[in-house]
Amino acid sequence: MADGVLVASATGSTAYSMSAGGPIVMPDGKVLIIVPVAPHNLNIRPLVVPDDSIIEVSFTTR
């Protein structure tokens, strides 16, 4: 649960991802970074996954 989610490439890790609390990744890294924006729980953490992963994002409202 968070106010939003950010999916960034390694190139975007130093701008958008870092400003939301995500990691910095070397620009030649073959990864994607998934960062929750304003998470509602401290257990919700950024993820680093291989860039060939299939990422499915869905949302629900109360």
Protein backbone atom coordinates (compact mmCIF):
# COMPACT_ATOMS: atom_id res chain seq x y z
CA MET A 1 0.00 0.00 0.00
CA ALA A 2 1.41 3.32 -1.10
CA ASP A 3 0.31 6.53 -2.75
CA GLY A 4 1.99 5.47 -5.98
CA VAL A 5 4.66 3.33 -7.56
CA LEU A 6 7.67 4.26 -9.64
CA VAL A 7 9.33 1.92 -12.14
CA ALA A 8 12.73 3.21 -13.24
CA SER A 9 15.59 1.99 -15.36
CA ALA A 10 19.15 2.09 -14.10
CA THR A 11 19.55 5.45 -15.89
CA GLY A 12 16.55 6.87 -14.00
CA SER A 13 17.74 5.57 -10.65
CA THR A 14 19.63 8.74 -9.70
CA ALA A 15 16.72 11.08 -10.38
CA TYR A 16 13.22 9.78 -9.81
CA SER A 17 14.01 6.63 -7.88
CA MET A 18 16.46 8.21 -5.45
CA SER A 19 14.10 11.10 -4.69
CA ALA A 20 11.46 8.54 -3.65
CA GLY A 21 13.91 6.64 -1.42
CA GLY A 22 15.08 4.04 -3.93
CA PRO A 23 18.62 2.80 -4.55
CA ILE A 24 21.23 4.23 -6.90
CA VAL A 25 22.20 1.74 -9.60
CA MET A 26 25.13 1.91 -12.00
CA PRO A 27 23.93 3.15 -15.42
CA ASP A 28 25.08 -0.02 -17.19
CA GLY A 29 23.06 -2.22 -14.82
CA LYS A 30 20.56 -4.48 -16.55
CA VAL A 31 17.88 -3.95 -13.89
CA LEU A 32 14.62 -2.15 -13.22
CA ILE A 33 13.85 -0.48 -9.91
CA ILE A 34 10.35 -0.58 -8.42
CA VAL A 35 9.89 2.05 -5.71
CA PRO A 36 6.73 2.72 -3.69
CA VAL A 37 5.89 6.41 -3.39
CA ALA A 38 4.85 7.42 0.14
CA PRO A 39 4.32 3.85 1.42
CA HIS A 40 1.79 3.39 4.20
CA ASN A 41 3.87 0.72 5.93
CA LEU A 42 7.60 0.57 6.74
CA ASN A 43 7.78 -3.01 5.42
CA ILE A 44 7.08 -1.89 1.85
CA ARG A 45 10.55 -1.47 0.32
CA PRO A 46 12.04 -0.76 -3.11
CA LEU A 47 12.78 -3.76 -5.34
CA VAL A 48 15.53 -4.29 -7.91
CA VAL A 49 14.62 -6.83 -10.60
CA PRO A 50 16.26 -8.00 -13.86
CA ASP A 51 15.32 -5.84 -16.86
CA ASP A 52 13.85 -8.82 -18.71
CA SER A 53 11.25 -9.35 -15.95
CA ILE A 54 7.57 -9.04 -16.70
CA ILE A 55 6.11 -6.48 -14.30
CA GLU A 56 2.38 -6.34 -13.76
CA VAL A 57 1.03 -3.37 -11.83
CA SER A 58 -2.54 -3.31 -10.56
CA PHE A 59 -4.33 -1.19 -8.02
CA THR A 60 -7.41 -1.22 -5.87
CA THR A 61 -9.26 1.44 -3.97
CA ARG A 62 -11.15 1.26 -0.75
